[in-house]
PDB file of N, CA and C in Angstrom:
ATOM      1  N   UNK A   1     -35.048  20.407  32.728  1.00  0.00           N
ATOM      2  CA  UNK A   1     -34.971  19.704  31.454  1.00  0.00           C
ATOM      3  C   UNK A   1     -34.804  18.214  31.740  1.00  0.00           C
ATOM      4  N   UNK A   2     -35.687  17.431  31.199  1.00  0.00           N
ATOM      5  CA  UNK A   2     -35.590  16.001  31.467  1.00  0.00           C
ATOM      6  C   UNK A   2     -34.819  15.303  30.340  1.00  0.00           C
ATOM      7  N   UNK A   3     -34.655  14.011  30.467  1.00  0.00           N
ATOM      8  CA  UNK A   3     -33.832  13.228  29.544  1.00  0.00           C
ATOM      9  C   UNK A   3     -34.412  13.245  28.137  1.00  0.00           C
ATOM     10  N   UNK A   4     -35.710  13.182  27.997  1.00  0.00           N
ATOM     11  CA  UNK A   4     -36.346  13.165  26.671  1.00  0.00           C
ATOM     12  C   UNK A   4     -36.072  14.465  25.922  1.00  0.00           C
ATOM     13  N   UNK A   5     -36.145  15.576  26.619  1.00  0.00           N
ATOM     14  CA  UNK A   5     -35.849  16.865  25.983  1.00  0.00           C
ATOM     15  C   UNK A   5     -34.389  16.938  25.544  1.00  0.00           C
ATOM     16  N   UNK A   6     -33.509  16.449  26.398  1.00  0.00           N
ATOM     17  CA  UNK A   6     -32.082  16.480  26.061  1.00  0.00           C
ATOM     18  C   UNK A   6     -31.789  15.576  24.869  1.00  0.00           C
ATOM     19  N   UNK A   7     -32.420  14.407  24.817  1.00  0.00           N
ATOM     20  CA  UNK A   7     -32.218  13.509  23.679  1.00  0.00           C
ATOM     21  C   UNK A   7     -32.760  14.119  22.392  1.00  0.00           C
ATOM     22  N   UNK A   8     -33.923  14.740  22.459  1.00  0.00           N
ATOM     23  CA  UNK A   8     -34.479  15.350  21.250  1.00  0.00           C
ATOM     24  C   UNK A   8     -33.607  16.514  20.773  1.00  0.00           C
ATOM     25  N   UNK A   9     -33.077  17.304  21.698  1.00  0.00           N
ATOM     26  CA  UNK A   9     -32.156  18.387  21.320  1.00  0.00           C
ATOM     27  C   UNK A   9     -30.881  17.814  20.696  1.00  0.00           C
ATOM     28  N   UNK A  10     -30.375  16.716  21.269  1.00  0.00           N
ATOM     29  CA  UNK A  10     -29.173  16.086  20.727  1.00  0.00           C
ATOM     30  C   UNK A  10     -29.391  15.562  19.323  1.00  0.00           C
ATOM     31  N   UNK A  11     -30.524  14.919  19.094  1.00  0.00           N
ATOM     32  CA  UNK A  11     -30.845  14.403  17.755  1.00  0.00           C
ATOM     33  C   UNK A  11     -31.025  15.557  16.779  1.00  0.00           C
ATOM     34  N   UNK A  12     -31.662  16.628  17.233  1.00  0.00           N
ATOM     35  CA  UNK A  12     -31.855  17.800  16.383  1.00  0.00           C
ATOM     36  C   UNK A  12     -30.504  18.396  15.971  1.00  0.00           C
ATOM     37  N   UNK A  13     -29.605  18.544  16.929  1.00  0.00           N
ATOM     38  CA  UNK A  13     -28.271  19.076  16.614  1.00  0.00           C
ATOM     39  C   UNK A  13     -27.487  18.137  15.709  1.00  0.00           C
ATOM     40  N   UNK A  14     -27.658  16.827  15.897  1.00  0.00           N
ATOM     41  CA  UNK A  14     -26.963  15.856  15.058  1.00  0.00           C
ATOM     42  C   UNK A  14     -27.409  16.007  13.604  1.00  0.00           C
ATOM     43  N   UNK A  15     -28.733  16.091  13.395  1.00  0.00           N
ATOM     44  CA  UNK A  15     -29.221  16.227  12.022  1.00  0.00           C
ATOM     45  C   UNK A  15     -28.840  17.577  11.413  1.00  0.00           C
ATOM     46  N   UNK A  16     -28.799  18.606  12.223  1.00  0.00           N
ATOM     47  CA  UNK A  16     -28.374  19.915  11.730  1.00  0.00           C
ATOM     48  C   UNK A  16     -26.912  19.866  11.275  1.00  0.00           C
ATOM     49  N   UNK A  17     -26.065  19.260  12.089  1.00  0.00           N
ATOM     50  CA  UNK A  17     -24.652  19.151  11.726  1.00  0.00           C
ATOM     51  C   UNK A  17     -24.435  18.273  10.510  1.00  0.00           C
ATOM     52  N   UNK A  18     -25.124  17.138  10.467  1.00  0.00           N
ATOM     53  CA  UNK A  18     -24.977  16.241   9.318  1.00  0.00           C
ATOM     54  C   UNK A  18     -25.522  16.894   8.047  1.00  0.00           C
ATOM     55  N   UNK A  19     -26.596  17.638   8.183  1.00  0.00           N
ATOM     56  CA  UNK A  19     -27.153  18.347   7.026  1.00  0.00           C
ATOM     57  C   UNK A  19     -26.212  19.415   6.515  1.00  0.00           C
ATOM     58  N   UNK A  20     -25.571  20.125   7.431  1.00  0.00           N
ATOM     59  CA  UNK A  20     -24.610  21.151   7.037  1.00  0.00           C
ATOM     60  C   UNK A  20     -23.437  20.539   6.289  1.00  0.00           C
ATOM     61  N   UNK A  21     -22.917  19.449   6.792  1.00  0.00           N
ATOM     62  CA  UNK A  21     -21.795  18.778   6.122  1.00  0.00           C
ATOM     63  C   UNK A  21     -22.231  18.249   4.766  1.00  0.00           C
ATOM     64  N   UNK A  22     -23.419  17.668   4.681  1.00  0.00           N
ATOM     65  CA  UNK A  22     -23.912  17.144   3.409  1.00  0.00           C
ATOM     66  C   UNK A  22     -24.058  18.255   2.368  1.00  0.00           C
ATOM     67  N   UNK A  23     -24.639  19.378   2.773  1.00  0.00           N
ATOM     68  CA  UNK A  23     -24.802  20.500   1.842  1.00  0.00           C
ATOM     69  C   UNK A  23     -23.441  21.020   1.398  1.00  0.00           C
ATOM     70  N   UNK A  24     -22.495  21.156   2.308  1.00  0.00           N
ATOM     71  CA  UNK A  24     -21.163  21.628   1.950  1.00  0.00           C
ATOM     72  C   UNK A  24     -20.505  20.686   0.948  1.00  0.00           C
ATOM     73  N   UNK A  25     -20.582  19.382   1.193  1.00  0.00           N
ATOM     74  CA  UNK A  25     -19.964  18.423   0.274  1.00  0.00           C
ATOM     75  C   UNK A  25     -20.664  18.418  -1.078  1.00  0.00           C
ATOM     76  N   UNK A  26     -21.974  18.565  -1.089  1.00  0.00           N
ATOM     77  CA  UNK A  26     -22.698  18.618  -2.358  1.00  0.00           C
ATOM     78  C   UNK A  26     -22.278  19.840  -3.172  1.00  0.00           C
ATOM     79  N   UNK A  27     -22.153  20.988  -2.517  1.00  0.00           N
ATOM     80  CA  UNK A  27     -21.703  22.202  -3.210  1.00  0.00           C
ATOM     81  C   UNK A  27     -20.274  22.021  -3.709  1.00  0.00           C
ATOM     82  N   UNK A  28     -19.428  21.389  -2.927  1.00  0.00           N
ATOM     83  CA  UNK A  28     -18.042  21.152  -3.326  1.00  0.00           C
ATOM     84  C   UNK A  28     -17.976  20.253  -4.556  1.00  0.00           C
ATOM     85  N   UNK A  29     -18.725  19.162  -4.570  1.00  0.00           N
ATOM     86  CA  UNK A  29     -18.733  18.259  -5.726  1.00  0.00           C
ATOM     87  C   UNK A  29     -19.265  18.981  -6.950  1.00  0.00           C
ATOM     88  N   UNK A  30     -20.336  19.740  -6.797  1.00  0.00           N
ATOM     89  CA  UNK A  30     -20.910  20.485  -7.918  1.00  0.00           C
ATOM     90  C   UNK A  30     -19.904  21.479  -8.493  1.00  0.00           C
ATOM     91  N   UNK A  31     -19.242  22.237  -7.624  1.00  0.00           N
ATOM     92  CA  UNK A  31     -18.311  23.257  -8.108  1.00  0.00           C
ATOM     93  C   UNK A  31     -17.081  22.634  -8.766  1.00  0.00           C
ATOM     94  N   UNK A  32     -16.574  21.531  -8.222  1.00  0.00           N
ATOM     95  CA  UNK A  32     -15.412  20.875  -8.834  1.00  0.00           C
ATOM     96  C   UNK A  32     -15.794  20.295 -10.190  1.00  0.00           C
ATOM     97  N   UNK A  33     -16.987  19.723 -10.303  1.00  0.00           N
ATOM     98  CA  UNK A  33     -17.445  19.181 -11.573  1.00  0.00           C
ATOM     99  C   UNK A  33     -17.573  20.279 -12.623  1.00  0.00           C
ATOM    100  N   UNK A  34     -18.185  21.382 -12.266  1.00  0.00           N
ATOM    101  CA  UNK A  34     -18.340  22.498 -13.207  1.00  0.00           C
ATOM    102  C   UNK A  34     -16.990  23.086 -13.600  1.00  0.00           C
ATOM    103  N   UNK A  35     -16.078  23.201 -12.639  1.00  0.00           N
ATOM    104  CA  UNK A  35     -14.755  23.726 -12.951  1.00  0.00           C
ATOM    105  C   UNK A  35     -14.015  22.789 -13.899  1.00  0.00           C
ATOM    106  N   UNK A  36     -14.158  21.494 -13.700  1.00  0.00           N
ATOM    107  CA  UNK A  36     -13.522  20.521 -14.580  1.00  0.00           C
ATOM    108  C   UNK A  36     -14.086  20.631 -15.998  1.00  0.00           C
ATOM    109  N   UNK A  37     -15.389  20.780 -16.119  1.00  0.00           N
ATOM    110  CA  UNK A  37     -15.995  20.941 -17.437  1.00  0.00           C
ATOM    111  C   UNK A  37     -15.509  22.221 -18.101  1.00  0.00           C
ATOM    112  N   UNK A  38     -15.391  23.284 -17.341  1.00  0.00           N
ATOM    113  CA  UNK A  38     -14.912  24.557 -17.880  1.00  0.00           C
ATOM    114  C   UNK A  38     -13.485  24.436 -18.398  1.00  0.00           C
ATOM    115  N   UNK A  39     -12.633  23.788 -17.616  1.00  0.00           N
ATOM    116  CA  UNK A  39     -11.235  23.641 -18.016  1.00  0.00           C
ATOM    117  C   UNK A  39     -11.121  22.761 -19.254  1.00  0.00           C
ATOM    118  N   UNK A  40     -11.886  21.678 -19.320  1.00  0.00           N
ATOM    119  CA  UNK A  40     -11.834  20.804 -20.494  1.00  0.00           C
ATOM    120  C   UNK A  40     -12.339  21.524 -21.735  1.00  0.00           C
ATOM    121  N   UNK A  41     -13.305  22.399 -21.581  1.00  0.00           N
ATOM    122  CA  UNK A  41     -13.858  23.120 -22.726  1.00  0.00           C
ATOM    123  C   UNK A  41     -12.861  24.119 -23.304  1.00  0.00           C
ATOM    124  N   UNK A  42     -12.152  24.837 -22.421  1.00  0.00           N
ATOM    125  CA  UNK A  42     -11.265  25.903 -22.874  1.00  0.00           C
ATOM    126  C   UNK A  42      -9.787  25.514 -22.864  1.00  0.00           C
ATOM    127  N   UNK A  43      -9.485  24.259 -22.615  1.00  0.00           N
ATOM    128  CA  UNK A  43      -8.088  23.829 -22.546  1.00  0.00           C
ATOM    129  C   UNK A  43      -7.393  23.938 -23.900  1.00  0.00           C
ATOM    130  N   UNK A  44      -8.081  23.619 -24.969  1.00  0.00           N
ATOM    131  CA  UNK A  44      -7.470  23.629 -26.299  1.00  0.00           C
ATOM    132  C   UNK A  44      -7.070  25.040 -26.722  1.00  0.00           C
ATOM    133  N   UNK A  45      -7.765  26.053 -26.244  1.00  0.00           N
ATOM    134  CA  UNK A  45      -7.447  27.425 -26.645  1.00  0.00           C
ATOM    135  C   UNK A  45      -6.288  28.026 -25.859  1.00  0.00           C
ATOM    136  N   UNK A  46      -5.860  27.368 -24.788  1.00  0.00           N
ATOM    137  CA  UNK A  46      -4.749  27.883 -23.990  1.00  0.00           C
ATOM    138  C   UNK A  46      -3.423  27.568 -24.664  1.00  0.00           C
ATOM    139  N   UNK A  47      -2.448  28.463 -24.548  1.00  0.00           N
ATOM    140  CA  UNK A  47      -1.133  28.151 -25.119  1.00  0.00           C
ATOM    141  C   UNK A  47      -0.464  27.019 -24.344  1.00  0.00           C
ATOM    142  N   UNK A  48       0.094  26.072 -25.059  1.00  0.00           N
ATOM    143  CA  UNK A  48       0.737  24.928 -24.429  1.00  0.00           C
ATOM    144  C   UNK A  48       2.196  25.268 -24.111  1.00  0.00           C
ATOM    145  N   UNK A  49       2.667  24.941 -22.918  1.00  0.00           N
ATOM    146  CA  UNK A  49       4.060  25.239 -22.568  1.00  0.00           C
ATOM    147  C   UNK A  49       5.013  24.330 -23.343  1.00  0.00           C
ATOM    148  N   UNK A  50       6.199  24.850 -23.580  1.00  0.00           N
ATOM    149  CA  UNK A  50       7.220  24.061 -24.274  1.00  0.00           C
ATOM    150  C   UNK A  50       7.813  23.067 -23.282  1.00  0.00           C
ATOM    151  N   UNK A  51       7.822  21.814 -23.651  1.00  0.00           N
ATOM    152  CA  UNK A  51       8.339  20.767 -22.777  1.00  0.00           C
ATOM    153  C   UNK A  51       9.795  20.516 -23.149  1.00  0.00           C
ATOM    154  N   UNK A  52      10.667  20.741 -22.183  1.00  0.00           N
ATOM    155  CA  UNK A  52      12.093  20.553 -22.412  1.00  0.00           C
ATOM    156  C   UNK A  52      12.465  19.125 -22.035  1.00  0.00           C
ATOM    157  N   UNK A  53      13.346  18.500 -22.815  1.00  0.00           N
ATOM    158  CA  UNK A  53      13.750  17.133 -22.456  1.00  0.00           C
ATOM    159  C   UNK A  53      14.584  17.133 -21.181  1.00  0.00           C
ATOM    160  N   UNK A  54      14.488  16.047 -20.441  1.00  0.00           N
ATOM    161  CA  UNK A  54      15.260  15.920 -19.215  1.00  0.00           C
ATOM    162  C   UNK A  54      16.730  15.735 -19.563  1.00  0.00           C
ATOM    163  N   UNK A  55      17.617  16.321 -18.765  1.00  0.00           N
ATOM    164  CA  UNK A  55      19.037  16.125 -19.036  1.00  0.00           C
ATOM    165  C   UNK A  55      19.429  14.670 -18.791  1.00  0.00           C
ATOM    166  N   UNK A  56      20.301  14.174 -19.624  1.00  0.00           N
ATOM    167  CA  UNK A  56      20.739  12.787 -19.501  1.00  0.00           C
ATOM    168  C   UNK A  56      22.118  12.738 -18.861  1.00  0.00           C
ATOM    169  N   UNK A  57      22.471  11.595 -18.338  1.00  0.00           N
ATOM    170  CA  UNK A  57      23.787  11.401 -17.746  1.00  0.00           C
ATOM    171  C   UNK A  57      24.839  11.331 -18.847  1.00  0.00           C
ATOM    172  N   UNK A  58      26.060  11.718 -18.541  1.00  0.00           N
ATOM    173  CA  UNK A  58      27.111  11.581 -19.538  1.00  0.00           C
ATOM    174  C   UNK A  58      27.350  10.103 -19.871  1.00  0.00           C
ATOM    175  N   UNK A  59      28.036   9.866 -20.958  1.00  0.00           N
ATOM    176  CA  UNK A  59      28.247   8.490 -21.438  1.00  0.00           C
ATOM    177  C   UNK A  59      28.976   7.648 -20.401  1.00  0.00           C
ATOM    178  N   UNK A  60      29.818   8.250 -19.571  1.00  0.00           N
ATOM    179  CA  UNK A  60      30.583   7.508 -18.577  1.00  0.00           C
ATOM    180  C   UNK A  60      29.776   7.129 -17.351  1.00  0.00           C
ATOM    181  N   UNK A  61      28.542   7.577 -17.233  1.00  0.00           N
ATOM    182  CA  UNK A  61      27.730   7.261 -16.063  1.00  0.00           C
ATOM    183  C   UNK A  61      27.733   8.408 -15.076  1.00  0.00           C
ATOM    184  N   UNK A  62      27.644   8.095 -13.794  1.00  0.00           N
ATOM    185  CA  UNK A  62      27.576   9.107 -12.752  1.00  0.00           C
ATOM    186  C   UNK A  62      28.974   9.672 -12.476  1.00  0.00           C
ATOM    187  N   UNK A  63      29.014  10.939 -12.179  1.00  0.00           N
ATOM    188  CA  UNK A  63      30.259  11.626 -11.885  1.00  0.00           C
ATOM    189  C   UNK A  63      30.884  11.029 -10.613  1.00  0.00           C
ATOM    190  N   UNK A  64      32.190  10.759 -10.640  1.00  0.00           N
ATOM    191  CA  UNK A  64      32.853  10.142  -9.485  1.00  0.00           C
ATOM    192  C   UNK A  64      32.891  11.084  -8.280  1.00  0.00           C
ATOM    193  N   UNK A  65      32.904  12.388  -8.506  1.00  0.00           N
ATOM    194  CA  UNK A  65      32.862  13.332  -7.386  1.00  0.00           C
ATOM    195  C   UNK A  65      31.531  13.235  -6.643  1.00  0.00           C
ATOM    196  N   UNK A  66      30.457  13.046  -7.384  1.00  0.00           N
ATOM    197  CA  UNK A  66      29.147  12.897  -6.751  1.00  0.00           C
ATOM    198  C   UNK A  66      29.098  11.623  -5.914  1.00  0.00           C
ATOM    199  N   UNK A  67      29.632  10.547  -6.448  1.00  0.00           N
ATOM    200  CA  UNK A  67      29.639   9.280  -5.718  1.00  0.00           C
ATOM    201  C   UNK A  67      30.442   9.419  -4.426  1.00  0.00           C
ATOM    202  N   UNK A  68      31.576  10.107  -4.485  1.00  0.00           N
ATOM    203  CA  UNK A  68      32.400  10.295  -3.298  1.00  0.00           C
ATOM    204  C   UNK A  68      31.670  11.137  -2.249  1.00  0.00           C
ATOM    205  N   UNK A  69      30.979  12.185  -2.687  1.00  0.00           N
ATOM    206  CA  UNK A  69      30.251  13.044  -1.752  1.00  0.00           C
ATOM    207  C   UNK A  69      29.093  12.283  -1.100  1.00  0.00           C
ATOM    208  N   UNK A  70      28.381  11.495  -1.872  1.00  0.00           N
ATOM    209  CA  UNK A  70      27.263  10.720  -1.332  1.00  0.00           C
ATOM    210  C   UNK A  70      27.770   9.669  -0.350  1.00  0.00           C
ATOM    211  N   UNK A  71      28.857   9.000  -0.700  1.00  0.00           N
ATOM    212  CA  UNK A  71      29.438   7.989   0.184  1.00  0.00           C
ATOM    213  C   UNK A  71      29.884   8.609   1.507  1.00  0.00           C
ATOM    214  N   UNK A  72      30.518   9.783   1.432  1.00  0.00           N
ATOM    215  CA  UNK A  72      30.960  10.456   2.653  1.00  0.00           C
ATOM    216  C   UNK A  72      29.767  10.870   3.512  1.00  0.00           C
ATOM    217  N   UNK A  73      28.690  11.338   2.886  1.00  0.00           N
ATOM    218  CA  UNK A  73      27.507  11.748   3.634  1.00  0.00           C
ATOM    219  C   UNK A  73      26.857  10.551   4.333  1.00  0.00           C
ATOM    220  N   UNK A  74      26.779   9.422   3.630  1.00  0.00           N
ATOM    221  CA  UNK A  74      26.202   8.208   4.228  1.00  0.00           C
ATOM    222  C   UNK A  74      27.054   7.740   5.396  1.00  0.00           C
ATOM    223  N   UNK A  75      28.367   7.757   5.225  1.00  0.00           N
ATOM    224  CA  UNK A  75      29.273   7.331   6.302  1.00  0.00           C
ATOM    225  C   UNK A  75      29.114   8.233   7.531  1.00  0.00           C
ATOM    226  N   UNK A  76      29.038   9.547   7.296  1.00  0.00           N
ATOM    227  CA  UNK A  76      28.885  10.486   8.405  1.00  0.00           C
ATOM    228  C   UNK A  76      27.546  10.282   9.111  1.00  0.00           C
ATOM    229  N   UNK A  77      26.470  10.063   8.351  1.00  0.00           N
ATOM    230  CA  UNK A  77      25.148   9.840   8.946  1.00  0.00           C
ATOM    231  C   UNK A  77      25.141   8.582   9.802  1.00  0.00           C
ATOM    232  N   UNK A  78      25.710   7.509   9.268  1.00  0.00           N
ATOM    233  CA  UNK A  78      25.713   6.242  10.002  1.00  0.00           C
ATOM    234  C   UNK A  78      26.580   6.305  11.257  1.00  0.00           C
ATOM    235  N   UNK A  79      27.679   7.074  11.194  1.00  0.00           N
ATOM    236  CA  UNK A  79      28.537   7.161  12.380  1.00  0.00           C
ATOM    237  C   UNK A  79      27.874   7.996  13.481  1.00  0.00           C
ATOM    238  N   UNK A  80      27.061   8.962  13.140  1.00  0.00           N
ATOM    239  CA  UNK A  80      26.376   9.791  14.134  1.00  0.00           C
ATOM    240  C   UNK A  80      25.126   9.114  14.698  1.00  0.00           C
ATOM    241  N   UNK A  81      24.491   8.249  13.933  1.00  0.00           N
ATOM    242  CA  UNK A  81      23.189   7.671  14.316  1.00  0.00           C
ATOM    243  C   UNK A  81      23.287   6.173  14.551  1.00  0.00           C
ATOM    244  N   UNK A  82      24.140   5.794  15.459  1.00  0.00           N
ATOM    245  CA  UNK A  82      24.260   4.363  15.772  1.00  0.00           C
ATOM    246  C   UNK A  82      23.326   3.976  16.867  1.00  0.00           C
TER     247      UNK A  82
END
């Protein structure tokens, strides 16, 4: 096998690989687009979940026990990782 044959085989394999990737990506884009259209079409007929409000902090702010625990954890981390 001479150099010209090896180069032609290499170019052939390159185009085969690039073609395979291109076809895969084209199918992926097509399927995602169709799935998006399907979901948008039937989204209104789906039952909507009840959205619960996020819990709020008490009027006094953050709990002092939480602040103490966080402070102790930070102190312990910093003392171990000097």
